[in-house]
Amino acid sequence: MSYSAHPSAIVDDGAEIGEGSRVWHFVHVCGGARIGKGVSLGQNVFIGNHVVIGDGCKIQNNVSVYDNVTLEEGVFCGPSMVFTNVYNPRALIVRKDQYRDTRVKRGATLGANCTIVCGTTVGAYAFIGAGAVINRDVPDFALMVGVPARQVGWMSAFGEQMNLPLTGNANYICPHTGDLYVLRNGAVSRKTHSK
């Protein structure tokens, strides 16, 4: 076994877990899950069958990653945050054929107790504040807070708020990495600084 798992964890036959990943207390990984290298699954995490988790993701305690959720490389899921996969669930009506796909792109942070409503895409390096409710797509590098969430700024890949307006044209250079961030037409792109 190329990953470590606590004795209380349940990893169903067929689950793929990458090298160096850590599976902590009372985790359940279903047989169809595909989990990358160097992933941390905190205490009491559930991973569904139709789930893909990229390399280097950190999923904190009490998070359930349900079917049809894809996390790209380096996503952080804060404690007790929530994914959904059916938009209008009812206990007495079976809607397993109505799961909506949710994608969280590379490097995004999902704060503690936030909710990601199914069918949405969270952009690369976006930052979702604690307790926020995401019910629409989130742009790359966006800082989102509130219920329902609204954009209040932009975050760098380093994880600090950038001094950029929400709209218009502007540039920002990260003091930690030297990366150049360019705001044009309501979208931010990054040009990495090579030393």
Protein backbone atom coordinates (compact mmCIF):
# COMPACT_ATOMS: atom_id res chain seq x y z
CA MET A 1 0.00 0.00 0.00
CA SER A 2 1.55 3.29 -1.11
CA TYR A 3 -0.66 5.44 1.15
CA SER A 4 -1.32 5.40 4.90
CA ALA A 5 -4.74 4.69 6.43
CA HIS A 6 -5.85 4.70 10.06
CA PRO A 7 -7.26 1.32 11.21
CA SER A 8 -10.72 2.90 11.65
CA ALA A 9 -10.87 4.02 8.00
CA ILE A 10 -12.86 2.06 5.42
CA VAL A 11 -11.46 1.95 1.89
CA ASP A 12 -13.75 -0.07 -0.38
CA ASP A 13 -12.31 -2.45 -2.98
CA GLY A 14 -11.65 -0.67 -6.27
CA ALA A 15 -10.83 2.74 -4.80
CA GLU A 16 -7.68 4.30 -6.26
CA ILE A 17 -5.55 6.25 -3.78
CA GLY A 18 -2.26 7.79 -4.85
CA GLU A 19 1.16 7.48 -3.31
CA GLY A 20 1.82 9.39 -0.12
CA SER A 21 -1.84 10.12 0.61
CA ARG A 22 -3.07 10.01 4.21
CA VAL A 23 -6.47 8.64 5.25
CA TRP A 24 -7.33 9.57 8.83
CA HIS A 25 -9.80 8.34 11.49
CA PHE A 26 -13.30 7.20 10.46
CA VAL A 27 -12.89 8.04 6.75
CA HIS A 28 -14.96 6.12 4.18
CA VAL A 29 -13.73 5.98 0.58
CA CYS A 30 -16.15 4.29 -1.85
CA GLY A 31 -14.88 1.81 -4.43
CA GLY A 32 -15.22 4.03 -7.49
CA ALA A 33 -13.30 7.01 -6.10
CA ARG A 34 -10.08 8.17 -7.75
CA ILE A 35 -7.75 10.04 -5.39
CA GLY A 36 -4.39 11.48 -6.41
CA LYS A 37 -0.97 11.60 -4.77
CA GLY A 38 -0.21 13.42 -1.54
CA VAL A 39 -3.87 13.92 -0.59
CA SER A 40 -4.95 14.34 3.03
CA LEU A 41 -8.41 13.08 4.05
CA GLY A 42 -9.20 14.35 7.56
CA GLN A 43 -11.25 12.69 10.26
CA ASN A 44 -14.81 11.66 9.34
CA VAL A 45 -14.47 12.40 5.60
CA PHE A 46 -16.71 10.58 3.10
CA ILE A 47 -15.69 10.17 -0.56
CA GLY A 48 -18.37 8.93 -3.00
CA ASN A 49 -18.06 6.53 -5.93
CA HIS A 50 -18.05 9.04 -8.78
CA VAL A 51 -15.50 11.44 -7.32
CA VAL A 52 -12.12 12.55 -8.63
CA ILE A 53 -9.64 14.24 -6.29
CA GLY A 54 -6.43 15.66 -7.73
CA ASP A 55 -2.91 15.51 -6.35
CA GLY A 56 -2.12 17.52 -3.23
CA CYS A 57 -5.69 18.23 -2.12
CA LYS A 58 -6.40 18.73 1.58
CA ILE A 59 -9.87 17.76 2.77
CA GLN A 60 -10.35 18.74 6.40
CA ASN A 61 -12.53 17.04 9.03
CA ASN A 62 -16.25 16.32 8.49
CA VAL A 63 -16.42 16.89 4.73
CA SER A 64 -18.50 14.68 2.42
CA VAL A 65 -17.48 14.72 -1.23
CA TYR A 66 -20.51 13.31 -3.01
CA ASP A 67 -20.86 11.76 -6.48
CA ASN A 68 -20.16 13.96 -9.52
CA VAL A 69 -17.70 16.23 -7.69
CA THR A 70 -14.25 16.78 -9.22
CA LEU A 71 -11.45 18.52 -7.33
CA GLU A 72 -8.46 19.49 -9.42
CA GLU A 73 -4.90 19.62 -8.04
CA GLY A 74 -4.22 21.46 -4.79
CA VAL A 75 -7.79 22.21 -3.66
CA PHE A 76 -8.30 22.98 0.05
CA CYS A 77 -11.67 21.97 1.58
CA GLY A 78 -12.10 23.59 5.00
CA PRO A 79 -13.66 21.83 8.00
CA SER A 80 -17.34 20.90 7.66
CA MET A 81 -17.80 22.52 4.25
CA VAL A 82 -20.60 21.00 2.14
CA PHE A 83 -21.02 19.75 -1.41
CA THR A 84 -24.44 18.85 -2.85
CA ASN A 85 -25.22 16.80 -5.96
CA VAL A 86 -29.00 17.09 -6.41
CA TYR A 87 -30.48 20.56 -6.86
CA ASN A 88 -33.98 19.78 -5.53
CA PRO A 89 -33.76 16.71 -3.28
CA ARG A 90 -36.75 14.94 -1.75
CA ALA A 91 -36.58 11.91 0.54
CA LEU A 92 -39.53 10.24 -1.22
CA ILE A 93 -38.40 10.89 -4.82
CA VAL A 94 -35.36 9.15 -6.30
CA ARG A 95 -33.23 11.61 -8.26
CA LYS A 96 -29.95 9.73 -8.66
CA ASP A 97 -30.22 10.25 -12.42
CA GLN A 98 -30.28 14.03 -11.85
CA TYR A 99 -26.88 14.50 -10.22
CA ARG A 100 -25.25 17.73 -11.39
CA ASP A 101 -21.51 17.96 -11.97
CA THR A 102 -19.47 20.23 -9.70
CA ARG A 103 -15.86 21.17 -10.51
CA VAL A 104 -13.39 22.95 -8.26
CA LYS A 105 -10.36 24.08 -10.23
CA ARG A 106 -6.69 23.98 -9.33
CA GLY A 107 -5.57 25.71 -6.13
CA ALA A 108 -9.00 26.92 -4.97
CA THR A 109 -9.80 27.29 -1.26
CA LEU A 110 -13.24 26.40 0.13
CA GLY A 111 -13.55 27.93 3.60
CA ALA A 112 -14.95 26.24 6.70
CA ASN A 113 -18.70 25.63 6.64
CA CYS A 114 -19.19 26.98 3.12
CA THR A 115 -21.68 25.29 0.77
CA ILE A 116 -21.07 24.58 -2.91
CA VAL A 117 -24.43 24.04 -4.65
CA CYS A 118 -24.22 21.36 -7.34
CA GLY A 119 -23.80 22.28 -10.98
CA THR A 120 -21.30 25.06 -10.32
CA THR A 121 -17.64 25.55 -11.20
CA VAL A 122 -15.26 27.24 -8.76
CA GLY A 123 -12.41 28.89 -10.67
CA ALA A 124 -8.69 28.32 -10.26
CA TYR A 125 -7.24 29.84 -7.07
CA ALA A 126 -10.63 31.28 -6.10
CA PHE A 127 -11.15 31.77 -2.38
CA ILE A 128 -14.55 30.99 -0.85
CA GLY A 129 -14.95 32.59 2.59
CA ALA A 130 -16.13 30.68 5.65
CA GLY A 131 -19.89 30.09 5.63
CA ALA A 132 -20.44 31.38 2.09
CA VAL A 133 -23.03 29.75 -0.20
CA ILE A 134 -21.95 29.33 -3.82
CA ASN A 135 -24.93 28.99 -6.18
CA ARG A 136 -23.31 30.16 -9.44
CA ASP A 137 -19.95 29.82 -11.20
CA VAL A 138 -16.99 31.59 -9.61
CA PRO A 139 -14.25 33.25 -11.70
CA ASP A 140 -10.57 32.36 -11.36
CA PHE A 141 -8.90 34.21 -8.44
CA ALA A 142 -12.25 35.58 -7.12
CA LEU A 143 -12.79 36.23 -3.40
CA MET A 144 -16.38 35.28 -2.52
CA VAL A 145 -18.25 35.86 0.78
CA GLY A 146 -21.81 35.85 2.09
CA VAL A 147 -25.15 34.14 1.56
CA PRO A 148 -25.65 33.93 -1.32
CA ALA A 149 -22.01 34.60 -2.06
CA ARG A 150 -20.94 37.78 -3.81
CA GLN A 151 -17.52 38.74 -5.09
CA VAL A 152 -15.70 41.26 -2.91
CA GLY A 153 -12.20 41.09 -4.37
CA TRP A 154 -9.44 39.02 -5.94
CA MET A 155 -6.98 36.58 -4.34
CA SER A 156 -3.48 35.70 -5.51
CA ALA A 157 -2.31 32.12 -5.93
CA PHE A 158 -0.17 32.81 -2.85
CA GLY A 159 -3.42 33.28 -0.88
CA GLU A 160 -3.54 37.01 -0.17
CA GLN A 161 -6.06 39.60 -1.30
CA MET A 162 -4.83 41.64 -4.25
CA ASN A 163 -5.24 45.39 -4.58
CA LEU A 164 -7.34 45.17 -7.75
CA PRO A 165 -10.77 46.67 -8.49
CA LEU A 166 -13.63 44.28 -9.26
CA THR A 167 -13.92 45.63 -12.82
CA GLY A 168 -11.90 47.67 -15.26
CA ASN A 169 -8.26 47.22 -16.22
CA ALA A 170 -5.42 46.99 -13.73
CA ASN A 171 -2.24 45.09 -12.90
CA TYR A 172 -0.89 43.69 -9.64
CA ILE A 173 2.52 42.19 -8.83
CA CYS A 174 2.61 39.70 -5.96
CA PRO A 175 5.28 40.81 -3.46
CA HIS A 176 5.96 37.17 -2.50
CA THR A 177 6.33 35.51 -5.91
CA GLY A 178 6.78 38.36 -8.39
CA ASP A 179 3.87 36.99 -10.44
CA LEU A 180 2.00 39.54 -12.55
CA TYR A 181 -1.82 39.53 -12.34
CA VAL A 182 -3.71 41.29 -15.12
CA LEU A 183 -7.35 42.36 -14.76
CA ARG A 184 -9.14 42.83 -18.09
CA ASN A 185 -12.87 42.78 -18.79
CA GLY A 186 -13.80 41.36 -15.37
CA ALA A 187 -11.30 38.48 -15.49
CA VAL A 188 -7.88 38.04 -13.90
CA SER A 189 -5.02 36.14 -15.52
CA ARG A 190 -1.58 35.39 -14.10
CA LYS A 191 1.85 35.51 -15.68
CA THR A 192 4.29 33.61 -13.47
CA HIS A 193 7.60 35.20 -12.66
CA SER A 194 10.58 33.08 -13.62
CA LYS A 195 13.79 33.67 -11.70
